[in-house]
PDB file of all heavy atoms in Angstrom:
ATOM      1  N   VAL A   1      -3.452   4.539   5.884  1.00  0.00           N
ATOM      2  CA  VAL A   1      -2.294   3.707   5.829  1.00  0.00           C
ATOM      3  C   VAL A   1      -1.251   4.228   4.794  1.00  0.00           C
ATOM      4  O   VAL A   1      -1.815   4.725   3.702  1.00  0.00           O
ATOM      5  CB  VAL A   1      -2.736   2.340   5.146  1.00  0.00           C
ATOM      6  CG1 VAL A   1      -1.559   1.358   5.082  1.00  0.00           C
ATOM      7  CG2 VAL A   1      -3.807   1.646   6.076  1.00  0.00           C
ATOM      8  N   LEU A   2      -0.084   4.273   5.094  1.00  0.00           N
ATOM      9  CA  LEU A   2       0.954   4.729   4.188  1.00  0.00           C
ATOM     10  C   LEU A   2       1.638   3.460   3.602  1.00  0.00           C
ATOM     11  O   LEU A   2       2.237   2.687   4.460  1.00  0.00           O
ATOM     12  CB  LEU A   2       1.937   5.613   4.795  1.00  0.00           C
ATOM     13  CG  LEU A   2       3.099   6.152   3.986  1.00  0.00           C
ATOM     14  CD1 LEU A   2       2.798   7.003   2.675  1.00  0.00           C
ATOM     15  CD2 LEU A   2       4.096   6.882   4.680  1.00  0.00           C
ATOM     16  N   ILE A   3       1.624   3.164   2.294  1.00  0.00           N
ATOM     17  CA  ILE A   3       2.492   2.085   1.749  1.00  0.00           C
ATOM     18  C   ILE A   3       3.762   2.722   1.243  1.00  0.00           C
ATOM     19  O   ILE A   3       3.617   3.594   0.459  1.00  0.00           O
ATOM     20  CB  ILE A   3       1.627   1.327   0.648  1.00  0.00           C
ATOM     21  CG1 ILE A   3       0.363   0.897   1.143  1.00  0.00           C
ATOM     22  CG2 ILE A   3       2.475   0.296  -0.013  1.00  0.00           C
ATOM     23  CD1 ILE A   3       0.231   0.065   2.241  1.00  0.00           C
ATOM     24  N   THR A   4       4.835   2.138   1.700  1.00  0.00           N
ATOM     25  CA  THR A   4       6.122   2.623   1.308  1.00  0.00           C
ATOM     26  C   THR A   4       7.188   1.442   1.314  1.00  0.00           C
ATOM     27  O   THR A   4       6.791   0.531   1.731  1.00  0.00           O
ATOM     28  CB  THR A   4       6.581   3.781   2.118  1.00  0.00           C
ATOM     29  OG1 THR A   4       7.816   4.412   1.668  1.00  0.00           O
ATOM     30  CG2 THR A   4       6.712   3.528   3.677  1.00  0.00           C
ATOM     31  N   GLY A   5       8.429   1.851   1.115  1.00  0.00           N
ATOM     32  CA  GLY A   5       9.482   0.831   1.244  1.00  0.00           C
ATOM     33  C   GLY A   5       9.918   0.576   2.756  1.00  0.00           C
ATOM     34  O   GLY A   5       9.694   1.500   3.458  1.00  0.00           O
ATOM     35  N   ASP A   6      10.468  -0.640   2.894  1.00  0.00           N
ATOM     36  CA  ASP A   6      10.777  -1.090   4.227  1.00  0.00           C
ATOM     37  C   ASP A   6      12.287  -0.747   4.628  1.00  0.00           C
ATOM     38  O   ASP A   6      12.732  -0.970   5.640  1.00  0.00           O
ATOM     39  CB  ASP A   6      10.435  -2.449   4.623  1.00  0.00           C
ATOM     40  CG  ASP A   6      10.571  -2.837   6.021  1.00  0.00           C
ATOM     41  OD1 ASP A   6      10.182  -1.991   6.870  1.00  0.00           O
ATOM     42  OD2 ASP A   6      10.961  -3.961   6.242  1.00  0.00           O
ATOM     43  N   LYS A   7      12.965  -0.209   3.580  1.00  0.00           N
ATOM     44  CA  LYS A   7      14.464   0.105   3.839  1.00  0.00           C
ATOM     45  C   LYS A   7      14.490   1.421   4.192  1.00  0.00           C
ATOM     46  O   LYS A   7      13.692   2.304   4.137  1.00  0.00           O
ATOM     47  CB  LYS A   7      15.201  -0.098   2.574  1.00  0.00           C
ATOM     48  CG  LYS A   7      15.211  -1.520   2.007  1.00  0.00           C
ATOM     49  CD  LYS A   7      15.980  -1.693   0.842  1.00  0.00           C
ATOM     50  CE  LYS A   7      16.084  -3.185   0.306  1.00  0.00           C
ATOM     51  NZ  LYS A   7      16.854  -3.415  -0.951  1.00  0.00           N
ATOM     52  N   PRO A   8      15.853   1.872   4.822  1.00  0.00           N
ATOM     53  CA  PRO A   8      15.981   3.286   5.242  1.00  0.00           C
ATOM     54  C   PRO A   8      15.638   4.349   4.206  1.00  0.00           C
ATOM     55  O   PRO A   8      15.867   4.086   3.011  1.00  0.00           O
ATOM     56  CB  PRO A   8      17.521   3.292   5.634  1.00  0.00           C
ATOM     57  CG  PRO A   8      17.889   1.774   5.793  1.00  0.00           C
ATOM     58  CD  PRO A   8      16.952   0.932   4.999  1.00  0.00           C
ATOM     59  N   GLY A   9      14.913   5.227   4.644  1.00  0.00           N
ATOM     60  CA  GLY A   9      14.510   6.423   3.772  1.00  0.00           C
ATOM     61  C   GLY A   9      13.254   6.028   3.048  1.00  0.00           C
ATOM     62  O   GLY A   9      12.856   6.865   2.208  1.00  0.00           O
ATOM     63  N   GLY A  10      12.728   4.983   3.145  1.00  0.00           N
ATOM     64  CA  GLY A  10      11.404   4.616   2.580  1.00  0.00           C
ATOM     65  C   GLY A  10      11.632   3.898   1.268  1.00  0.00           C
ATOM     66  O   GLY A  10      10.626   3.744   0.519  1.00  0.00           O
ATOM     67  N   TRP A  11      12.766   3.492   0.870  1.00  0.00           N
ATOM     68  CA  TRP A  11      13.146   2.779  -0.416  1.00  0.00           C
ATOM     69  C   TRP A  11      12.919   1.199  -0.051  1.00  0.00           C
ATOM     70  O   TRP A  11      12.674   0.761   0.929  1.00  0.00           O
ATOM     71  CB  TRP A  11      14.548   3.008  -0.814  1.00  0.00           C
ATOM     72  CG  TRP A  11      14.635   4.427  -1.113  1.00  0.00           C
ATOM     73  CD1 TRP A  11      15.244   5.468  -0.258  1.00  0.00           C
ATOM     74  CD2 TRP A  11      14.283   5.107  -2.333  1.00  0.00           C
ATOM     75  NE1 TRP A  11      15.348   6.568  -1.033  1.00  0.00           N
ATOM     76  CE2 TRP A  11      14.717   6.505  -2.221  1.00  0.00           C
ATOM     77  CE3 TRP A  11      13.643   4.754  -3.524  1.00  0.00           C
ATOM     78  CZ2 TRP A  11      14.448   7.367  -3.269  1.00  0.00           C
ATOM     79  CZ3 TRP A  11      13.406   5.693  -4.433  1.00  0.00           C
ATOM     80  CH2 TRP A  11      13.868   7.006  -4.325  1.00  0.00           C
ATOM     81  N   GLY A  12      12.643   0.531  -1.308  1.00  0.00           N
ATOM     82  CA  GLY A  12      12.594  -0.839  -1.410  1.00  0.00           C
ATOM     83  C   GLY A  12      11.353  -1.423  -1.937  1.00  0.00           C
ATOM     84  O   GLY A  12      11.321  -2.518  -2.386  1.00  0.00           O
ATOM     85  N   CYS A  13      10.330  -0.497  -2.013  1.00  0.00           N
ATOM     86  CA  CYS A  13       9.063  -1.063  -2.678  1.00  0.00           C
ATOM     87  C   CYS A  13       9.104  -0.636  -4.310  1.00  0.00           C
ATOM     88  O   CYS A  13       9.785   0.417  -4.605  1.00  0.00           O
ATOM     89  CB  CYS A  13       7.972  -0.289  -2.075  1.00  0.00           C
ATOM     90  SG  CYS A  13       6.410  -1.254  -1.808  1.00  0.00           S
ATOM     91  N   PRO A  14       8.517  -1.463  -5.099  1.00  0.00           N
ATOM     92  CA  PRO A  14       8.664  -1.123  -6.483  1.00  0.00           C
ATOM     93  C   PRO A  14       8.113   0.137  -6.840  1.00  0.00           C
ATOM     94  O   PRO A  14       6.949   0.450  -6.449  1.00  0.00           O
ATOM     95  CB  PRO A  14       8.074  -2.346  -7.161  1.00  0.00           C
ATOM     96  CG  PRO A  14       7.244  -2.979  -6.186  1.00  0.00           C
ATOM     97  CD  PRO A  14       7.801  -2.690  -4.827  1.00  0.00           C
ATOM     98  N   LEU A  15       8.537   0.871  -7.829  1.00  0.00           N
ATOM     99  CA  LEU A  15       8.059   2.187  -8.308  1.00  0.00           C
ATOM    100  C   LEU A  15       6.788   1.830  -9.113  1.00  0.00           C
ATOM    101  O   LEU A  15       6.634   0.922  -9.859  1.00  0.00           O
ATOM    102  CB  LEU A  15       9.087   2.888  -9.109  1.00  0.00           C
ATOM    103  CG  LEU A  15      10.449   3.098  -8.532  1.00  0.00           C
ATOM    104  CD1 LEU A  15      11.383   3.769  -9.439  1.00  0.00           C
ATOM    105  CD2 LEU A  15      10.296   3.940  -7.210  1.00  0.00           C
ATOM    106  N   SER A  16       5.801   2.787  -8.963  1.00  0.00           N
ATOM    107  CA  SER A  16       4.452   2.827  -9.728  1.00  0.00           C
ATOM    108  C   SER A  16       3.759   1.436  -9.610  1.00  0.00           C
ATOM    109  O   SER A  16       3.080   1.123 -10.532  1.00  0.00           O
ATOM    110  CB  SER A  16       4.790   3.135 -11.167  1.00  0.00           C
ATOM    111  OG  SER A  16       5.417   4.362 -11.345  1.00  0.00           O
ATOM    112  N   ALA A  17       3.935   0.790  -8.516  1.00  0.00           N
ATOM    113  CA  ALA A  17       3.107  -0.482  -8.388  1.00  0.00           C
ATOM    114  C   ALA A  17       1.762  -0.327  -8.094  1.00  0.00           C
ATOM    115  O   ALA A  17       1.344   0.757  -7.503  1.00  0.00           O
ATOM    116  CB  ALA A  17       3.830  -1.346  -7.240  1.00  0.00           C
ATOM    117  N   GLY A  18       0.802  -1.110  -8.526  1.00  0.00           N
ATOM    118  CA  GLY A  18      -0.616  -0.953  -8.111  1.00  0.00           C
ATOM    119  C   GLY A  18      -0.941  -1.552  -6.843  1.00  0.00           C
ATOM    120  O   GLY A  18      -0.485  -2.580  -6.485  1.00  0.00           O
ATOM    121  N   VAL A  19      -1.732  -0.923  -6.212  1.00  0.00           N
ATOM    122  CA  VAL A  19      -2.229  -1.402  -4.759  1.00  0.00           C
ATOM    123  C   VAL A  19      -3.882  -1.522  -4.865  1.00  0.00           C
ATOM    124  O   VAL A  19      -4.535  -0.613  -5.088  1.00  0.00           O
ATOM    125  CB  VAL A  19      -1.874  -0.410  -3.748  1.00  0.00           C
ATOM    126  CG1 VAL A  19      -2.349  -0.885  -2.336  1.00  0.00           C
ATOM    127  CG2 VAL A  19      -0.408  -0.076  -3.723  1.00  0.00           C
ATOM    128  N   ASN A  20      -4.304  -2.704  -4.477  1.00  0.00           N
ATOM    129  CA  ASN A  20      -5.782  -2.877  -4.357  1.00  0.00           C
ATOM    130  C   ASN A  20      -5.946  -3.351  -2.952  1.00  0.00           C
ATOM    131  O   ASN A  20      -5.260  -4.197  -2.399  1.00  0.00           O
ATOM    132  CB  ASN A  20      -6.204  -4.059  -5.266  1.00  0.00           C
ATOM    133  CG  ASN A  20      -6.099  -3.729  -6.760  1.00  0.00           C
ATOM    134  OD1 ASN A  20      -6.619  -2.671  -7.134  1.00  0.00           O
ATOM    135  ND2 ASN A  20      -5.388  -4.476  -7.478  1.00  0.00           N
ATOM    136  N   TRP A  21      -7.012  -2.790  -2.231  1.00  0.00           N
ATOM    137  CA  TRP A  21      -7.215  -3.013  -0.860  1.00  0.00           C
ATOM    138  C   TRP A  21      -8.752  -3.202  -0.614  1.00  0.00           C
ATOM    139  O   TRP A  21      -9.576  -2.735  -1.386  1.00  0.00           O
ATOM    140  CB  TRP A  21      -6.657  -2.031   0.015  1.00  0.00           C
ATOM    141  CG  TRP A  21      -7.134  -0.616  -0.189  1.00  0.00           C
ATOM    142  CD1 TRP A  21      -6.559   0.291  -1.077  1.00  0.00           C
ATOM    143  CD2 TRP A  21      -8.329   0.034   0.345  1.00  0.00           C
ATOM    144  NE1 TRP A  21      -7.490   1.474  -1.029  1.00  0.00           N
ATOM    145  CE2 TRP A  21      -8.507   1.342  -0.177  1.00  0.00           C
ATOM    146  CE3 TRP A  21      -9.259  -0.415   1.230  1.00  0.00           C
ATOM    147  CZ2 TRP A  21      -9.513   2.107   0.202  1.00  0.00           C
ATOM    148  CZ3 TRP A  21     -10.348   0.436   1.564  1.00  0.00           C
ATOM    149  CH2 TRP A  21     -10.407   1.674   1.191  1.00  0.00           C
ATOM    150  N   ILE A  22      -9.083  -3.868   0.566  1.00  0.00           N
ATOM    151  CA  ILE A  22     -10.401  -4.028   1.105  1.00  0.00           C
ATOM    152  C   ILE A  22     -10.302  -3.883   2.556  1.00  0.00           C
ATOM    153  O   ILE A  22      -9.522  -4.582   3.178  1.00  0.00           O
ATOM    154  CB  ILE A  22     -11.064  -5.352   0.646  1.00  0.00           C
ATOM    155  CG1 ILE A  22     -12.546  -5.459   1.048  1.00  0.00           C
ATOM    156  CG2 ILE A  22     -10.325  -6.537   1.168  1.00  0.00           C
ATOM    157  CD1 ILE A  22     -13.301  -6.559   0.520  1.00  0.00           C
ATOM    158  N   ASN A  23     -11.305  -3.150   3.146  1.00  0.00           N
ATOM    159  CA  ASN A  23     -11.547  -3.117   4.623  1.00  0.00           C
ATOM    160  C   ASN A  23     -12.405  -4.082   4.892  1.00  0.00           C
ATOM    161  O   ASN A  23     -13.585  -4.074   4.528  1.00  0.00           O
ATOM    162  CB  ASN A  23     -11.966  -1.628   4.912  1.00  0.00           C
ATOM    163  CG  ASN A  23     -12.068  -1.479   6.388  1.00  0.00           C
ATOM    164  OD1 ASN A  23     -12.418  -2.412   7.188  1.00  0.00           O
ATOM    165  ND2 ASN A  23     -11.635  -0.317   6.909  1.00  0.00           N
ATOM    166  N   LEU A  24     -12.030  -5.151   5.697  1.00  0.00           N
ATOM    167  CA  LEU A  24     -12.852  -6.303   5.921  1.00  0.00           C
ATOM    168  C   LEU A  24     -13.772  -5.949   6.950  1.00  0.00           C
ATOM    169  O   LEU A  24     -14.921  -6.730   7.151  1.00  0.00           O
ATOM    170  CB  LEU A  24     -11.960  -7.480   6.409  1.00  0.00           C
ATOM    171  CG  LEU A  24     -10.835  -7.983   5.446  1.00  0.00           C
ATOM    172  CD1 LEU A  24      -9.970  -8.978   6.070  1.00  0.00           C
ATOM    173  CD2 LEU A  24     -11.530  -8.512   4.202  1.00  0.00           C
ATOM    174  N   ALA A  25     -13.709  -4.959   7.787  1.00  0.00           N
ATOM    175  CA  ALA A  25     -14.698  -4.538   8.786  1.00  0.00           C
ATOM    176  C   ALA A  25     -15.866  -3.710   8.044  1.00  0.00           C
ATOM    177  O   ALA A  25     -16.951  -3.880   8.635  1.00  0.00           O
ATOM    178  CB  ALA A  25     -13.936  -3.696   9.798  1.00  0.00           C
ATOM    179  N   THR A  26     -15.570  -2.914   7.141  1.00  0.00           N
ATOM    180  CA  THR A  26     -16.539  -2.091   6.488  1.00  0.00           C
ATOM    181  C   THR A  26     -16.982  -2.535   5.175  1.00  0.00           C
ATOM    182  O   THR A  26     -18.093  -2.062   4.596  1.00  0.00           O
ATOM    183  CB  THR A  26     -16.167  -0.564   6.435  1.00  0.00           C
ATOM    184  OG1 THR A  26     -15.020  -0.499   5.548  1.00  0.00           O
ATOM    185  CG2 THR A  26     -15.838  -0.101   7.924  1.00  0.00           C
ATOM    186  N   GLY A  27     -16.171  -3.317   4.496  1.00  0.00           N
ATOM    187  CA  GLY A  27     -16.535  -3.634   3.132  1.00  0.00           C
ATOM    188  C   GLY A  27     -16.040  -2.580   2.071  1.00  0.00           C
ATOM    189  O   GLY A  27     -16.073  -2.800   0.851  1.00  0.00           O
ATOM    190  N   ALA A  28     -15.425  -1.614   2.483  1.00  0.00           N
ATOM    191  CA  ALA A  28     -14.906  -0.538   1.653  1.00  0.00           C
ATOM    192  C   ALA A  28     -13.758  -1.006   0.813  1.00  0.00           C
ATOM    193  O   ALA A  28     -13.002  -1.937   1.314  1.00  0.00           O
ATOM    194  CB  ALA A  28     -14.453   0.691   2.318  1.00  0.00           C
ATOM    195  N   THR A  29     -13.599  -0.683  -0.545  1.00  0.00           N
ATOM    196  CA  THR A  29     -12.557  -1.045  -1.294  1.00  0.00           C
ATOM    197  C   THR A  29     -11.794   0.162  -1.968  1.00  0.00           C
ATOM    198  O   THR A  29     -12.440   1.175  -2.068  1.00  0.00           O
ATOM    199  CB  THR A  29     -12.960  -2.050  -2.408  1.00  0.00           C
ATOM    200  OG1 THR A  29     -13.941  -1.494  -3.244  1.00  0.00           O
ATOM    201  CG2 THR A  29     -13.516  -3.309  -1.766  1.00  0.00           C
ATOM    202  N   GLY A  30     -10.652  -0.234  -2.477  1.00  0.00           N
ATOM    203  CA  GLY A  30     -10.058   0.949  -3.318  1.00  0.00           C
ATOM    204  C   GLY A  30      -8.866   0.444  -4.011  1.00  0.00           C
ATOM    205  O   GLY A  30      -8.428  -0.631  -3.888  1.00  0.00           O
ATOM    206  N   ALA A  31      -8.301   1.315  -4.839  1.00  0.00           N
ATOM    207  CA  ALA A  31      -7.042   0.989  -5.578  1.00  0.00           C
ATOM    208  C   ALA A  31      -6.240   2.313  -5.605  1.00  0.00           C
ATOM    209  O   ALA A  31      -6.813   3.474  -5.597  1.00  0.00           O
ATOM    210  CB  ALA A  31      -7.484   0.714  -7.022  1.00  0.00           C
TER     211      ALA A  31
END
């Protein structure tokens, strides 16, 4: 998965933001 901005050129998402995720199918997690 690529997390990026939704505006043209990939802008719009806050800089240096933290991302925490979980794969509900496998139980894998990450940050």
